Amino acid sequence: MKYFDNYPPVTEQKQGHQLGEEPYIQPGCIVKDSSLGPWTALGAGTWLVESTFGDYSYTAGNVQIIYSEIGKYCSIANSVRINPGNHPQWRVTQHHMTYRRSHYGLGEDDKEFFQWRRDHKCTIGHDVWIGHGAVVMPGVSIGTGAIIGSGAIVTKDVGPYEIAVGVAAKVIKKRFDDATIEKLLASEWWNWDRETLEQNFNDLLNLEVFIDKYC
């Protein structure tokens, strides 16, 4: 993976860009203290802060990912937020001047408040699809192969290959039966190297063929 200490906004965008080993970062992105794998793409206006972003994963744009681990082959739709900030509702005022104090000339920022959010990172597995406008709250884990519906607010963990929708998000079904899920997880196809992926790509398009050959 390639580490970015502080990546400034991009000013140009190529049309029909071919992805490759170098991460593709579109205009207006902010990448700070984060690592991106090969064949990744960040859509315009994406924030990636103190996070890892696995091989072949992409965002559609206007996405915020803070203090999180994103697996490989993840599809993250427009306007998704992963690990959004909270406000201190236990204080007299929950205004962010109570933790972003330096902005208001009220002393140093509340480091303990920000550290809590770091300690409650989000973990997204491999091949996860997160729909438009979904929010994944601090501390939540989403398993490999899961689907998060558009507009969902995910407050609890979602297991592998589960489909969760709504506010607050609830699991409505699994993509496959338990035996199939176990086989797919055991295959760990997302760890194939590039040569193996190219040679066996068509097998990823047919579930029965894949299980017969690799499970």
N, C-alpha and C. Protein backbone atom coordinates (compact mmCIF):
# COMPACT_ATOMS: atom_id res chain seq x y z
N MET A 1 0.84 -1.19 0.00
CA MET A 1 0.00 0.00 0.00
C MET A 1 0.88 1.24 0.00
N LYS A 2 0.36 2.32 -0.55
CA LYS A 2 1.09 3.57 -0.59
C LYS A 2 0.58 4.50 0.51
N TYR A 3 1.52 5.05 1.28
CA TYR A 3 1.16 5.92 2.39
C TYR A 3 1.20 7.37 1.96
N PHE A 4 0.17 8.12 2.36
CA PHE A 4 0.08 9.55 2.07
C PHE A 4 0.07 10.31 3.39
N ASP A 5 1.07 11.16 3.59
CA ASP A 5 1.13 11.97 4.80
C ASP A 5 0.11 13.09 4.74
N ASN A 6 0.09 13.80 3.63
CA ASN A 6 -0.87 14.89 3.45
C ASN A 6 -0.98 15.18 1.97
N TYR A 7 -2.06 14.72 1.36
CA TYR A 7 -2.23 14.87 -0.09
C TYR A 7 -3.14 16.06 -0.37
N PRO A 8 -2.64 17.11 -1.01
CA PRO A 8 -3.45 18.31 -1.28
C PRO A 8 -4.48 18.05 -2.37
N PRO A 9 -5.48 18.91 -2.49
CA PRO A 9 -6.48 18.75 -3.54
C PRO A 9 -5.86 18.69 -4.94
N VAL A 10 -6.43 17.86 -5.80
CA VAL A 10 -5.96 17.71 -7.17
C VAL A 10 -6.65 18.76 -8.04
N THR A 11 -5.96 19.25 -9.05
CA THR A 11 -6.52 20.31 -9.89
C THR A 11 -6.95 19.82 -11.26
N GLU A 12 -6.54 18.61 -11.64
CA GLU A 12 -6.90 18.10 -12.94
C GLU A 12 -7.50 16.70 -12.82
N GLN A 13 -8.37 16.37 -13.75
CA GLN A 13 -8.98 15.06 -13.77
C GLN A 13 -8.97 14.53 -15.20
N LYS A 14 -8.40 13.36 -15.38
CA LYS A 14 -8.38 12.76 -16.70
C LYS A 14 -9.67 12.00 -16.96
N GLN A 15 -10.20 12.15 -18.15
CA GLN A 15 -11.40 11.43 -18.53
C GLN A 15 -11.03 10.01 -18.94
N GLY A 16 -11.84 9.04 -18.52
CA GLY A 16 -11.59 7.67 -18.89
C GLY A 16 -10.27 7.14 -18.36
N HIS A 17 -9.92 7.53 -17.16
CA HIS A 17 -8.62 7.17 -16.59
C HIS A 17 -8.53 5.67 -16.36
N GLN A 18 -7.43 5.08 -16.77
CA GLN A 18 -7.17 3.66 -16.55
C GLN A 18 -6.53 3.48 -15.18
N LEU A 19 -7.16 2.68 -14.33
CA LEU A 19 -6.60 2.44 -13.01
C LEU A 19 -5.37 1.55 -13.10
N GLY A 20 -4.55 1.59 -12.03
CA GLY A 20 -3.34 0.80 -12.03
C GLY A 20 -2.75 0.69 -10.64
N GLU A 21 -1.46 0.43 -10.57
CA GLU A 21 -0.79 0.24 -9.29
C GLU A 21 -0.81 1.51 -8.44
N GLU A 22 -0.81 2.65 -9.10
CA GLU A 22 -0.83 3.93 -8.39
C GLU A 22 -2.27 4.33 -8.07
N PRO A 23 -2.59 4.63 -6.82
CA PRO A 23 -3.95 5.07 -6.48
C PRO A 23 -4.37 6.28 -7.32
N TYR A 24 -5.63 6.29 -7.73
CA TYR A 24 -6.16 7.40 -8.54
C TYR A 24 -7.00 8.29 -7.64
N ILE A 25 -6.56 9.52 -7.45
CA ILE A 25 -7.21 10.45 -6.54
C ILE A 25 -7.75 11.62 -7.33
N GLN A 26 -9.05 11.79 -7.36
CA GLN A 26 -9.70 12.81 -8.18
C GLN A 26 -9.71 14.17 -7.49
N PRO A 27 -10.17 15.21 -8.19
CA PRO A 27 -10.09 16.57 -7.67
C PRO A 27 -10.79 16.77 -6.32
N GLY A 28 -10.20 17.64 -5.51
CA GLY A 28 -10.82 18.05 -4.27
C GLY A 28 -10.72 17.05 -3.14
N CYS A 29 -9.95 15.98 -3.31
CA CYS A 29 -9.80 14.98 -2.25
C CYS A 29 -8.82 15.48 -1.18
N ILE A 30 -9.05 15.03 0.04
CA ILE A 30 -8.13 15.27 1.13
C ILE A 30 -7.72 13.92 1.68
N VAL A 31 -6.42 13.61 1.59
CA VAL A 31 -5.89 12.35 2.08
C VAL A 31 -4.80 12.67 3.09
N LYS A 32 -5.02 12.27 4.33
CA LYS A 32 -4.09 12.64 5.40
C LYS A 32 -3.77 11.41 6.25
N ASP A 33 -2.48 11.14 6.39
CA ASP A 33 -2.01 10.04 7.24
C ASP A 33 -2.76 8.74 6.94
N SER A 34 -2.81 8.38 5.67
CA SER A 34 -3.58 7.22 5.23
C SER A 34 -2.80 6.41 4.20
N SER A 35 -3.21 5.15 4.03
CA SER A 35 -2.58 4.26 3.06
C SER A 35 -3.63 3.75 2.08
N LEU A 36 -3.26 3.73 0.79
CA LEU A 36 -4.14 3.23 -0.26
C LEU A 36 -3.44 2.12 -1.03
N GLY A 37 -4.18 1.06 -1.34
CA GLY A 37 -3.63 -0.03 -2.12
C GLY A 37 -3.68 0.26 -3.61
N PRO A 38 -3.12 -0.65 -4.42
CA PRO A 38 -3.15 -0.49 -5.88
C PRO A 38 -4.56 -0.67 -6.42
N TRP A 39 -4.81 -0.12 -7.60
CA TRP A 39 -6.09 -0.22 -8.30
C TRP A 39 -7.23 0.41 -7.49
N THR A 40 -6.90 1.37 -6.66
CA THR A 40 -7.92 2.08 -5.89
C THR A 40 -8.25 3.41 -6.55
N ALA A 41 -9.42 3.94 -6.22
CA ALA A 41 -9.84 5.23 -6.77
C ALA A 41 -10.68 5.97 -5.74
N LEU A 42 -10.35 7.24 -5.54
CA LEU A 42 -11.13 8.11 -4.66
C LEU A 42 -11.86 9.13 -5.53
N GLY A 43 -13.20 9.11 -5.49
CA GLY A 43 -13.98 10.06 -6.25
C GLY A 43 -13.81 11.47 -5.72
N ALA A 44 -14.16 12.44 -6.55
CA ALA A 44 -13.97 13.85 -6.22
C ALA A 44 -14.57 14.20 -4.86
N GLY A 45 -13.80 14.95 -4.08
CA GLY A 45 -14.29 15.44 -2.81
C GLY A 45 -14.24 14.44 -1.67
N THR A 46 -13.55 13.33 -1.86
CA THR A 46 -13.44 12.32 -0.80
C THR A 46 -12.42 12.75 0.25
N TRP A 47 -12.76 12.50 1.51
CA TRP A 47 -11.82 12.68 2.62
C TRP A 47 -11.40 11.29 3.11
N LEU A 48 -10.11 11.09 3.25
CA LEU A 48 -9.58 9.86 3.82
C LEU A 48 -8.55 10.27 4.87
N VAL A 49 -8.91 10.11 6.13
CA VAL A 49 -8.09 10.63 7.22
C VAL A 49 -7.75 9.51 8.20
N GLU A 50 -6.46 9.31 8.42
CA GLU A 50 -5.96 8.30 9.37
C GLU A 50 -6.66 6.95 9.14
N SER A 51 -6.64 6.50 7.89
CA SER A 51 -7.36 5.28 7.51
C SER A 51 -6.54 4.46 6.52
N THR A 52 -6.92 3.20 6.35
CA THR A 52 -6.36 2.35 5.31
C THR A 52 -7.46 2.02 4.31
N PHE A 53 -7.07 1.89 3.05
CA PHE A 53 -8.03 1.71 1.96
C PHE A 53 -7.50 0.61 1.06
N GLY A 54 -8.17 -0.55 1.09
CA GLY A 54 -7.64 -1.75 0.47
C GLY A 54 -7.67 -1.77 -1.04
N ASP A 55 -6.89 -2.69 -1.62
CA ASP A 55 -6.74 -2.85 -3.06
C ASP A 55 -8.10 -2.93 -3.77
N TYR A 56 -8.21 -2.23 -4.89
CA TYR A 56 -9.36 -2.26 -5.79
C TYR A 56 -10.61 -1.58 -5.22
N SER A 57 -10.55 -1.06 -4.01
CA SER A 57 -11.71 -0.36 -3.46
C SER A 57 -11.83 1.03 -4.09
N TYR A 58 -13.04 1.57 -4.07
CA TYR A 58 -13.25 2.90 -4.64
C TYR A 58 -14.38 3.63 -3.94
N THR A 59 -14.34 4.96 -4.03
CA THR A 59 -15.46 5.79 -3.60
C THR A 59 -16.01 6.54 -4.80
N ALA A 60 -17.31 6.77 -4.80
CA ALA A 60 -17.94 7.46 -5.93
C ALA A 60 -17.81 8.98 -5.82
N GLY A 61 -17.47 9.50 -4.66
CA GLY A 61 -17.29 10.94 -4.50
C GLY A 61 -18.05 11.48 -3.31
N ASN A 62 -17.53 12.59 -2.76
CA ASN A 62 -18.13 13.26 -1.60
C ASN A 62 -18.29 12.32 -0.42
N VAL A 63 -17.30 11.47 -0.24
CA VAL A 63 -17.30 10.48 0.85
C VAL A 63 -16.33 10.94 1.93
N GLN A 64 -16.70 10.70 3.19
CA GLN A 64 -15.79 11.00 4.31
C GLN A 64 -15.50 9.71 5.07
N ILE A 65 -14.23 9.37 5.14
CA ILE A 65 -13.79 8.18 5.86
C ILE A 65 -12.74 8.62 6.87
N ILE A 66 -13.07 8.51 8.15
CA ILE A 66 -12.19 8.99 9.20
C ILE A 66 -11.88 7.83 10.16
N TYR A 67 -10.61 7.66 10.52
CA TYR A 67 -10.22 6.65 11.51
C TYR A 67 -10.86 5.30 11.22
N SER A 68 -10.59 4.73 10.06
CA SER A 68 -11.26 3.50 9.64
C SER A 68 -10.31 2.59 8.87
N GLU A 69 -10.68 1.31 8.80
CA GLU A 69 -9.98 0.34 7.99
C GLU A 69 -10.95 -0.20 6.93
N ILE A 70 -10.63 0.04 5.68
CA ILE A 70 -11.48 -0.39 4.57
C ILE A 70 -10.78 -1.55 3.85
N GLY A 71 -11.50 -2.65 3.66
CA GLY A 71 -10.91 -3.83 3.03
C GLY A 71 -10.75 -3.67 1.53
N LYS A 72 -10.49 -4.78 0.87
CA LYS A 72 -10.28 -4.81 -0.57
C LYS A 72 -11.62 -4.94 -1.31
N TYR A 73 -11.65 -4.43 -2.52
CA TYR A 73 -12.80 -4.58 -3.43
C TYR A 73 -14.09 -3.98 -2.86
N CYS A 74 -13.97 -2.94 -2.06
CA CYS A 74 -15.17 -2.29 -1.51
C CYS A 74 -15.70 -1.24 -2.48
N SER A 75 -17.03 -1.16 -2.55
CA SER A 75 -17.72 -0.20 -3.42
C SER A 75 -18.48 0.77 -2.53
N ILE A 76 -18.02 2.02 -2.48
CA ILE A 76 -18.58 3.00 -1.57
C ILE A 76 -19.22 4.12 -2.37
N ALA A 77 -20.53 4.23 -2.29
CA ALA A 77 -21.30 5.15 -3.12
C ALA A 77 -21.14 6.60 -2.66
N ASN A 78 -21.73 7.50 -3.43
CA ASN A 78 -21.63 8.94 -3.17
C ASN A 78 -22.22 9.30 -1.81
N SER A 79 -21.58 10.26 -1.15
CA SER A 79 -22.07 10.90 0.07
C SER A 79 -22.14 9.97 1.28
N VAL A 80 -21.35 8.91 1.28
CA VAL A 80 -21.26 8.02 2.44
C VAL A 80 -20.36 8.67 3.50
N ARG A 81 -20.69 8.43 4.78
CA ARG A 81 -19.82 8.87 5.88
C ARG A 81 -19.50 7.67 6.76
N ILE A 82 -18.23 7.46 6.98
CA ILE A 82 -17.78 6.35 7.83
C ILE A 82 -17.01 6.93 9.01
N ASN A 83 -17.52 6.68 10.19
CA ASN A 83 -17.01 7.21 11.45
C ASN A 83 -17.16 8.73 11.52
N PRO A 84 -18.40 9.22 11.52
CA PRO A 84 -18.63 10.67 11.64
C PRO A 84 -18.37 11.13 13.07
N GLY A 85 -18.20 12.43 13.21
CA GLY A 85 -17.98 12.99 14.54
C GLY A 85 -19.24 13.03 15.37
N ASN A 86 -19.07 12.91 16.67
CA ASN A 86 -20.18 13.06 17.61
C ASN A 86 -20.04 14.41 18.34
N HIS A 87 -21.10 14.79 19.01
CA HIS A 87 -21.06 16.00 19.84
C HIS A 87 -21.23 15.60 21.30
N PRO A 88 -20.62 16.35 22.23
CA PRO A 88 -20.65 15.99 23.66
C PRO A 88 -21.98 16.36 24.31
N GLN A 89 -22.96 15.50 24.11
CA GLN A 89 -24.31 15.80 24.61
C GLN A 89 -24.38 15.79 26.14
N TRP A 90 -23.34 15.27 26.81
CA TRP A 90 -23.33 15.22 28.27
C TRP A 90 -22.88 16.54 28.89
N ARG A 91 -22.38 17.47 28.05
CA ARG A 91 -21.94 18.76 28.56
C ARG A 91 -23.09 19.76 28.54
N VAL A 92 -22.89 20.87 29.21
CA VAL A 92 -23.92 21.91 29.23
C VAL A 92 -24.29 22.33 27.81
N THR A 93 -23.26 22.53 26.98
CA THR A 93 -23.48 22.80 25.56
C THR A 93 -22.76 21.74 24.75
N GLN A 94 -23.42 21.27 23.69
CA GLN A 94 -22.82 20.25 22.83
C GLN A 94 -22.13 20.86 21.61
N HIS A 95 -22.06 22.20 21.58
CA HIS A 95 -21.42 22.91 20.48
C HIS A 95 -19.96 22.50 20.33
N HIS A 96 -19.45 22.49 19.10
CA HIS A 96 -18.08 22.02 18.91
C HIS A 96 -17.02 22.98 19.41
N MET A 97 -17.43 24.13 19.93
CA MET A 97 -16.43 24.98 20.57
C MET A 97 -15.88 24.31 21.83
N THR A 98 -16.60 23.32 22.37
CA THR A 98 -16.13 22.65 23.58
C THR A 98 -14.99 21.69 23.31
N TYR A 99 -14.79 21.30 22.04
CA TYR A 99 -13.64 20.44 21.73
C TYR A 99 -12.74 21.03 20.65
N ARG A 100 -13.27 21.89 19.77
CA ARG A 100 -12.43 22.63 18.82
C ARG A 100 -12.17 24.03 19.40
N ARG A 101 -11.58 24.05 20.55
CA ARG A 101 -11.46 25.28 21.33
C ARG A 101 -10.57 26.32 20.67
N SER A 102 -9.53 25.87 20.00
CA SER A 102 -8.58 26.82 19.40
C SER A 102 -9.25 27.68 18.33
N HIS A 103 -10.29 27.16 17.67
CA HIS A 103 -10.99 27.93 16.64
C HIS A 103 -11.64 29.18 17.23
N TYR A 104 -11.97 29.10 18.52
CA TYR A 104 -12.72 30.19 19.16
C TYR A 104 -11.89 30.95 20.19
N GLY A 105 -10.58 30.69 20.21
CA GLY A 105 -9.72 31.39 21.17
C GLY A 105 -10.01 31.00 22.60
N LEU A 106 -10.41 29.72 22.80
CA LEU A 106 -10.79 29.26 24.13
C LEU A 106 -9.83 28.21 24.68
N GLY A 107 -8.61 28.24 24.19
CA GLY A 107 -7.62 27.30 24.68
C GLY A 107 -7.28 26.23 23.66
N GLU A 108 -6.64 25.16 24.14
CA GLU A 108 -6.24 24.07 23.26
C GLU A 108 -7.40 23.12 23.00
N ASP A 109 -7.36 22.47 21.83
CA ASP A 109 -8.40 21.51 21.48
C ASP A 109 -8.43 20.36 22.48
N ASP A 110 -9.60 19.76 22.62
CA ASP A 110 -9.82 18.66 23.55
C ASP A 110 -9.30 17.37 22.95
N LYS A 111 -8.05 17.03 23.23
CA LYS A 111 -7.41 15.85 22.64
C LYS A 111 -8.11 14.56 23.06
N GLU A 112 -8.57 14.49 24.28
CA GLU A 112 -9.25 13.29 24.76
C GLU A 112 -10.53 13.01 23.98
N PHE A 113 -11.23 14.06 23.61
CA PHE A 113 -12.47 13.91 22.84
C PHE A 113 -12.18 13.29 21.47
N PHE A 114 -11.13 13.78 20.80
CA PHE A 114 -10.78 13.24 19.48
C PHE A 114 -10.21 11.83 19.60
N GLN A 115 -9.49 11.56 20.68
CA GLN A 115 -8.90 10.23 20.85
C GLN A 115 -9.97 9.17 21.00
N TRP A 116 -11.09 9.51 21.62
CA TRP A 116 -12.20 8.55 21.74
C TRP A 116 -12.64 8.08 20.36
N ARG A 117 -12.73 9.00 19.43
CA ARG A 117 -13.16 8.64 18.07
C ARG A 117 -12.11 7.76 17.40
N ARG A 118 -10.84 8.06 17.61
CA ARG A 118 -9.79 7.21 17.06
C ARG A 118 -9.86 5.80 17.64
N ASP A 119 -10.14 5.71 18.92
CA ASP A 119 -10.21 4.41 19.59
C ASP A 119 -11.43 3.60 19.16
N HIS A 120 -12.39 4.24 18.55
CA HIS A 120 -13.61 3.57 18.10
C HIS A 120 -13.68 3.58 16.57
N LYS A 121 -12.61 3.10 15.97
CA LYS A 121 -12.53 3.09 14.51
C LYS A 121 -13.59 2.16 13.92
N CYS A 122 -13.91 2.39 12.66
CA CYS A 122 -14.79 1.50 11.91
C CYS A 122 -13.94 0.51 11.12
N THR A 123 -14.45 -0.71 11.01
CA THR A 123 -13.76 -1.74 10.25
C THR A 123 -14.69 -2.29 9.19
N ILE A 124 -14.30 -2.15 7.93
CA ILE A 124 -15.11 -2.62 6.81
C ILE A 124 -14.35 -3.79 6.16
N GLY A 125 -15.02 -4.92 5.99
CA GLY A 125 -14.38 -6.10 5.41
C GLY A 125 -14.14 -5.95 3.92
N HIS A 126 -13.97 -7.08 3.23
CA HIS A 126 -13.70 -7.08 1.80
C HIS A 126 -15.01 -7.20 1.01
N ASP A 127 -15.00 -6.63 -0.20
CA ASP A 127 -16.13 -6.77 -1.11
C ASP A 127 -17.44 -6.29 -0.49
N VAL A 128 -17.37 -5.20 0.26
CA VAL A 128 -18.57 -4.61 0.87
C VAL A 128 -19.10 -3.50 -0.03
N TRP A 129 -20.40 -3.46 -0.18
CA TRP A 129 -21.07 -2.42 -0.96
C TRP A 129 -21.85 -1.53 0.00
N ILE A 130 -21.50 -0.26 0.05
CA ILE A 130 -22.19 0.71 0.91
C ILE A 130 -22.93 1.70 0.03
N GLY A 131 -24.26 1.73 0.15
CA GLY A 131 -25.10 2.52 -0.73
C GLY A 131 -25.07 4.02 -0.46
N HIS A 132 -25.64 4.76 -1.40
CA HIS A 132 -25.63 6.22 -1.40
C HIS A 132 -26.15 6.80 -0.07
N GLY A 133 -25.36 7.70 0.49
CA GLY A 133 -25.80 8.45 1.66
C GLY A 133 -25.82 7.68 2.96
N ALA A 134 -25.29 6.48 2.99
CA ALA A 134 -25.27 5.70 4.23
C ALA A 134 -24.26 6.28 5.21
N VAL A 135 -24.51 6.05 6.50
CA VAL A 135 -23.62 6.50 7.56
C VAL A 135 -23.27 5.30 8.43
N VAL A 136 -21.98 5.10 8.64
CA VAL A 136 -21.51 4.02 9.51
C VAL A 136 -20.94 4.67 10.77
N MET A 137 -21.59 4.44 11.89
CA MET A 137 -21.25 5.13 13.12
C MET A 137 -19.96 4.59 13.74
N PRO A 138 -19.32 5.39 14.62
CA PRO A 138 -18.06 4.98 15.23
C PRO A 138 -18.14 3.60 15.89
N GLY A 139 -17.07 2.83 15.73
CA GLY A 139 -16.97 1.54 16.39
C GLY A 139 -17.64 0.38 15.68
N VAL A 140 -18.33 0.65 14.58
CA VAL A 140 -19.08 -0.40 13.89
C VAL A 140 -18.17 -1.20 12.97
N SER A 141 -18.40 -2.52 12.91
CA SER A 141 -17.70 -3.40 11.98
C SER A 141 -18.70 -3.97 10.98
N ILE A 142 -18.30 -4.01 9.72
CA ILE A 142 -19.14 -4.58 8.66
C ILE A 142 -18.37 -5.72 8.02
N GLY A 143 -18.97 -6.89 7.98
CA GLY A 143 -18.28 -8.08 7.52
C GLY A 143 -18.13 -8.15 6.01
N THR A 144 -17.22 -8.99 5.58
CA THR A 144 -16.95 -9.22 4.16
C THR A 144 -18.22 -9.60 3.41
N GLY A 145 -18.37 -9.04 2.21
CA GLY A 145 -19.49 -9.39 1.36
C GLY A 145 -20.82 -8.77 1.71
N ALA A 146 -20.86 -7.92 2.75
CA ALA A 146 -22.12 -7.32 3.19
C ALA A 146 -22.58 -6.22 2.24
N ILE A 147 -23.86 -5.89 2.35
CA ILE A 147 -24.46 -4.78 1.61
C ILE A 147 -25.15 -3.86 2.60
N ILE A 148 -24.87 -2.56 2.50
CA ILE A 148 -25.54 -1.54 3.32
C ILE A 148 -26.40 -0.70 2.39
N GLY A 149 -27.71 -0.67 2.65
CA GLY A 149 -28.63 0.04 1.78
C GLY A 149 -28.44 1.54 1.79
N SER A 150 -28.89 2.18 0.73
CA SER A 150 -28.80 3.64 0.62
C SER A 150 -29.52 4.31 1.77
N GLY A 151 -28.90 5.32 2.35
CA GLY A 151 -29.51 6.08 3.42
C GLY A 151 -29.52 5.40 4.77
N ALA A 152 -28.94 4.23 4.88
CA ALA A 152 -28.94 3.51 6.15
C ALA A 152 -28.04 4.21 7.17
N ILE A 153 -28.42 4.09 8.43
CA ILE A 153 -27.59 4.57 9.54
C ILE A 153 -27.20 3.33 10.33
N VAL A 154 -25.93 2.94 10.20
CA VAL A 154 -25.48 1.67 10.77
C VAL A 154 -24.91 1.93 12.16
N THR A 155 -25.62 1.45 13.18
CA THR A 155 -25.22 1.67 14.57
C THR A 155 -24.71 0.39 15.23
N LYS A 156 -24.94 -0.77 14.58
CA LYS A 156 -24.51 -2.05 15.13
C LYS A 156 -23.75 -2.84 14.06
N ASP A 157 -22.94 -3.79 14.50
CA ASP A 157 -22.15 -4.59 13.57
C ASP A 157 -23.05 -5.35 12.59
N VAL A 158 -22.55 -5.51 11.38
CA VAL A 158 -23.23 -6.27 10.33
C VAL A 158 -22.32 -7.42 9.95
N GLY A 159 -22.86 -8.64 9.91
CA GLY A 159 -22.04 -9.81 9.66
C GLY A 159 -21.72 -10.02 8.19
N PRO A 160 -20.84 -10.98 7.89
CA PRO A 160 -20.47 -11.27 6.51
C PRO A 160 -21.68 -11.64 5.65
N TYR A 161 -21.74 -11.05 4.48
CA TYR A 161 -22.76 -11.32 3.47
C TYR A 161 -24.18 -11.01 3.93
N GLU A 162 -24.32 -10.21 4.98
CA GLU A 162 -25.64 -9.76 5.42
C GLU A 162 -26.02 -8.47 4.68
N ILE A 163 -27.32 -8.26 4.53
CA ILE A 163 -27.84 -7.05 3.91
C ILE A 163 -28.59 -6.26 4.98
N ALA A 164 -28.14 -5.03 5.23
CA ALA A 164 -28.74 -4.19 6.26
C ALA A 164 -29.27 -2.90 5.65
N VAL A 165 -30.48 -2.52 6.04
CA VAL A 165 -31.11 -1.31 5.51
C VAL A 165 -31.84 -0.57 6.63
N GLY A 166 -32.12 0.72 6.39
CA GLY A 166 -32.99 1.47 7.28
C GLY A 166 -32.28 2.32 8.30
N VAL A 167 -33.12 2.99 9.13
CA VAL A 167 -32.65 3.88 10.18
C VAL A 167 -33.37 3.49 11.47
N ALA A 168 -32.68 3.01 12.47
CA ALA A 168 -31.32 2.48 12.41
C ALA A 168 -31.31 1.19 11.60
N ALA A 169 -30.15 0.89 10.96
CA ALA A 169 -30.09 -0.23 10.03
C ALA A 169 -30.36 -1.56 10.73
N LYS A 170 -31.14 -2.40 10.03
CA LYS A 170 -31.41 -3.75 10.50
C LYS A 170 -31.09 -4.74 9.38
N VAL A 171 -30.60 -5.90 9.77
CA VAL A 171 -30.32 -6.94 8.79
C VAL A 171 -31.64 -7.56 8.33
N ILE A 172 -31.86 -7.58 7.01
CA ILE A 172 -33.11 -8.13 6.48
C ILE A 172 -32.94 -9.52 5.88
N LYS A 173 -31.72 -9.85 5.47
CA LYS A 173 -31.47 -11.20 4.96
C LYS A 173 -29.97 -11.34 4.69
N LYS A 174 -29.59 -12.56 4.30
CA LYS A 174 -28.22 -12.83 3.87
C LYS A 174 -28.20 -13.04 2.36
N ARG A 175 -27.09 -12.73 1.75
CA ARG A 175 -26.98 -12.89 0.31
C ARG A 175 -27.03 -14.36 -0.10
N PHE A 176 -26.45 -15.22 0.72
CA PHE A 176 -26.38 -16.65 0.40
C PHE A 176 -26.67 -17.46 1.66
N ASP A 177 -26.83 -18.77 1.50
CA ASP A 177 -27.01 -19.63 2.67
C ASP A 177 -25.69 -19.75 3.42
N ASP A 178 -25.78 -20.23 4.67
CA ASP A 178 -24.61 -20.26 5.54
C ASP A 178 -23.47 -21.10 4.97
N ALA A 179 -23.81 -22.23 4.35
CA ALA A 179 -22.77 -23.10 3.79
C ALA A 179 -21.99 -22.39 2.68
N THR A 180 -22.72 -21.68 1.84
CA THR A 180 -22.06 -20.93 0.75
C THR A 180 -21.19 -19.82 1.30
N ILE A 181 -21.69 -19.12 2.31
CA ILE A 181 -20.93 -18.04 2.93
C ILE A 181 -19.62 -18.56 3.51
N GLU A 182 -19.68 -19.69 4.19
CA GLU A 182 -18.47 -20.29 4.77
C GLU A 182 -17.45 -20.61 3.68
N LYS A 183 -17.92 -21.13 2.56
CA LYS A 183 -17.02 -21.48 1.46
C LYS A 183 -16.39 -20.23 0.86
N LEU A 184 -17.18 -19.19 0.67
CA LEU A 184 -16.64 -17.96 0.10
C LEU A 184 -15.61 -17.32 1.01
N LEU A 185 -15.91 -17.30 2.30
CA LEU A 185 -14.96 -16.73 3.25
C LEU A 185 -13.67 -17.53 3.29
N ALA A 186 -13.79 -18.84 3.22
CA ALA A 186 -12.61 -19.70 3.26
C ALA A 186 -11.75 -19.54 2.00
N SER A 187 -12.38 -19.19 0.88
CA SER A 187 -11.63 -19.06 -0.38
C SER A 187 -10.66 -17.89 -0.37
N GLU A 188 -11.03 -16.83 0.35
CA GLU A 188 -10.21 -15.61 0.42
C GLU A 188 -9.75 -15.15 -0.97
N TRP A 189 -10.67 -15.17 -1.92
CA TRP A 189 -10.32 -14.80 -3.29
C TRP A 189 -9.80 -13.37 -3.37
N TRP A 190 -10.18 -12.52 -2.46
CA TRP A 190 -9.75 -11.12 -2.49
C TRP A 190 -8.25 -10.97 -2.26
N ASN A 191 -7.60 -12.04 -1.84
CA ASN A 191 -6.14 -12.00 -1.67
C ASN A 191 -5.39 -12.52 -2.89
N TRP A 192 -6.10 -12.84 -3.96
CA TRP A 192 -5.41 -13.25 -5.19
C TRP A 192 -4.47 -12.15 -5.65
N ASP A 193 -3.32 -12.54 -6.18
CA ASP A 193 -2.45 -11.54 -6.80
C ASP A 193 -3.02 -11.18 -8.18
N ARG A 194 -2.43 -10.19 -8.80
CA ARG A 194 -2.96 -9.69 -10.07
C ARG A 194 -2.99 -10.77 -11.15
N GLU A 195 -1.94 -11.58 -11.23
CA GLU A 195 -1.88 -12.62 -12.25
C GLU A 195 -3.00 -13.65 -12.06
N THR A 196 -3.23 -14.05 -10.82
CA THR A 196 -4.29 -15.02 -10.53
C THR A 196 -5.66 -14.42 -10.84
N LEU A 197 -5.84 -13.14 -10.51
CA LEU A 197 -7.10 -12.48 -10.80
C LEU A 197 -7.39 -12.47 -12.29
N GLU A 198 -6.39 -12.11 -13.08
CA GLU A 198 -6.59 -12.05 -14.52
C GLU A 198 -6.88 -13.44 -15.11
N GLN A 199 -6.19 -14.44 -14.62
CA GLN A 199 -6.37 -15.79 -15.15
C GLN A 199 -7.73 -16.39 -14.80
N ASN A 200 -8.26 -16.01 -13.65
CA ASN A 200 -9.49 -16.64 -13.16
C ASN A 200 -10.66 -15.67 -13.05
N PHE A 201 -10.53 -14.52 -13.70
CA PHE A 201 -11.54 -13.47 -13.56
C PHE A 201 -12.95 -13.95 -13.89
N ASN A 202 -13.13 -14.68 -14.97
CA ASN A 202 -14.47 -15.10 -15.39
C ASN A 202 -15.15 -16.00 -14.36
N ASP A 203 -14.35 -16.69 -13.55
CA ASP A 203 -14.94 -17.56 -12.53
C ASP A 203 -15.63 -16.75 -11.43
N LEU A 204 -15.26 -15.49 -11.29
CA LEU A 204 -15.91 -14.64 -10.28
C LEU A 204 -17.32 -14.23 -10.70
N LEU A 205 -17.67 -14.49 -11.94
CA LEU A 205 -18.97 -14.07 -12.46
C LEU A 205 -20.04 -15.15 -12.29
N ASN A 206 -19.64 -16.32 -11.85
CA ASN A 206 -20.59 -17.44 -11.73
C ASN A 206 -20.36 -18.14 -10.39
N LEU A 207 -21.33 -18.02 -9.49
CA LEU A 207 -21.18 -18.55 -8.13
C LEU A 207 -20.98 -20.06 -8.12
N GLU A 208 -21.76 -20.78 -8.90
CA GLU A 208 -21.67 -22.23 -8.90
C GLU A 208 -20.32 -22.70 -9.42
N VAL A 209 -19.86 -22.08 -10.50
CA VAL A 209 -18.56 -22.44 -11.06
C VAL A 209 -17.45 -22.14 -10.06
N PHE A 210 -17.53 -20.98 -9.42
CA PHE A 210 -16.50 -20.59 -8.46
C PHE A 210 -16.41 -21.59 -7.32
N ILE A 211 -17.54 -21.92 -6.72
CA ILE A 211 -17.54 -22.85 -5.58
C ILE A 211 -17.02 -24.23 -6.00
N ASP A 212 -17.41 -24.65 -7.19
CA ASP A 212 -16.97 -25.95 -7.68
C ASP A 212 -15.46 -26.01 -7.87
N LYS A 213 -14.85 -24.91 -8.30
CA LYS A 213 -13.43 -24.91 -8.61
C LYS A 213 -12.54 -24.56 -7.43
N TYR A 214 -13.02 -23.69 -6.52
CA TYR A 214 -12.14 -23.15 -5.51
C TYR A 214 -12.54 -23.51 -4.07
N CYS A 215 -13.67 -24.15 -3.91
CA CYS A 215 -14.14 -24.44 -2.56
C CYS A 215 -14.28 -25.94 -2.34
